[in-house]
C-alpha cells in the first residue's frame, strides 16, 4: 500500500508543474468547456434531465458522496449520465460563520463535470474541473490558507488583519471497467492546488498541493448483492512564506506571526513560515443490496493520518527540522437506504464518525517529541428526504446532527469540551409555467443548540485568550440558526439541453449567547452570503 501511495504521489507531482503553468496562463476555462464538449459527445441524455432542479442537484451530490468514493461503483450509480458547466459569483460578510478566518469574501467559481459510459465498451468514465478566484478581507487570526485543518491544532496566526487573494484549481478523474459479470475494477485521481497571496506585499504567499489516489474493486457475491473495497491515500504538501505586513524594528505584537500548537500553546520564533507534509491512507469497505424499487448500503471507512511541520531555516545540529507533528485515526460508518414508490422517492442516510488525534512538539532540551495536545470527536448525522413527482410540493426533508468534541492543551490544562445538537428542515417547491420553463424554490433551515460547553480560557493567560480563546468560546457556546433560500428557473432547450439560473441567500445568526460571555460583537455581526449561479446541462 505504501509503494502504491508513493507511486501515485510521484506520478502526480510530475504533472504538477505543467498543470500549474496551464492554470497560471488562465486557460483553465477554455480547457474546462472543451473537456465538457468531448464528454457530452460520448453520451446520450439520461434520466437526470427529466428531473427538476432540486432533484437533479440532490442526485449529483448523492453520486459524489455515495458512489464516487468507490470508483468501481460508478457504473452502478444512482444516475448513469450527466454533463454540465457552471459559473458562480459569491459574496459573504460577517464573523459568525468563520470566527478564525475572514470577515468578508467575494469571488467567482467555474466548474464542469461529466459522467458517461463509453459506447461499445465496458468502461464508465467520470471527470471534473474547478477553478476559483476569490478575495478574503479582514484576515488576521488564521493565516494557514491552503492547509486543510483536518482537526489539527496547528496554524499561523496574527492579530493585525489584511487582505488575501485565493486561487484554487481542482481536477478529478475516475473510471470503472466491468471486467466480468461479477467483477468491476476502478480507480480515481484528484489533484487540488491552492495559492494564497497578498498583492500589497508579494513576499507573503502559501502554495498547497493535495493529491489523492484510489484503487477499488466491486464483486457481485450473488444477485443484487455487491461487495466493494477501495484502498487509497492522500498526500499534501504546503509551503508558506509569511512576513510582517509592516516590518520594522520593535514592531508591536499585533504584527508578530505565531504558530498555534494547541489551546494556548504557541511558537513565537517562526521566522518565515513552515513547510507542511501530510499523508492519510484510507481503506473503504461497502456492502450494497439492490432491489427493483430501492437499495441499501453499509460502509466502513478507516483512515490513519500523519502531519509534520518543518522549519526550512533550521540548520543547527541540535535542532530538529520537524518542529511539530499531528497523528490521528478516524473511523466512519455510512448507511444509505432508498425506496421508490409510484409517485415519490424516499432517501435516508446516517453517517457516524469517531476521530482521535494527538499533537506533539519537538523539545530541544530533551531531544525528543513531547505530547501537548489531544482531540477526540464524535459526530452523527441522520437525514431523510421525500421527493414527490408531479406535485407543487417537491421535497420535504428532515435532519439531525450530533457533535461531541473534547480538546485539551496539556501544557496549561486548557480544555474545550462541547456538545451540539442541530435539527434541520428542508422544503422544496416547483411550478411548471409551460413545457419549457419551470420555477423552483427551496428553503433549508436549522437550529444549533449547544447542550454543553466547558472551557477555562484563563488557564493559559496569554495573548491566545484575548485573540482566539474568548471569541472561539463565544462562537462555540452560542445557540444559532441558519436560513438558506434558493430561487431559480429551468429553461428546457431542444435535445434535452437545460439552462438553469439560481440565486441563493444564506444567513447565520445568533439565537442566544452563553451566560459567561465577555464580548458582544457576535450579536451584531451575523453572517450573510449570496450566490448567483448559471448552469448548462448538455
Foldseek 3Di string as FASTA:
>chain_A
DVVVAVVQVVVVVVCVVVVVVCVVVVCQVVVQVVVLVVQVVQAADDPLLVDDPVVNVVQVVCCVVPPVVFLQCLCVGPTAKWKKKKKKWKKKAFCLVPVQFAGIKTWMKIKIKIWHDGPPFQKIKIKMKMKIKMKGWFGFAFDAPPDDPPVAQKGKGFQRIGMKIKMKIKIKMKMWGCPDPFKIKMKMKMKMWMKIADPLDRQWIKIKIKIKIKIKMWGAPDPQKIKMKMKMKMKMKMDTFDDFSDDDPPDDRRRFMWIGHFLQDIHRPQDTFWMKIKMKIKMKIKMKGDDPFKIKMKMKMKIKMKMWTARPPDDDPLDDRTFKMKIKIKIKMKMWIWGHDDFKIKIKIKMKMKMKMWMWGQDSVVRDTDTFKIKIKIKMKIKMKMAGHPDQWGIKMKMKMKMWMWMAGNVQRWIWTWIKIKIKIKTKGKDDPDPFKIKIKIKIKMKIDIPDTDTDSCSSVDPSCVRPVQSVSFSRQFIKMKMKMKIKMWGQDPSSKIKIKMKMKMWMATPGTDPPHDDDVRNVGTMIMMMIMIMIMD
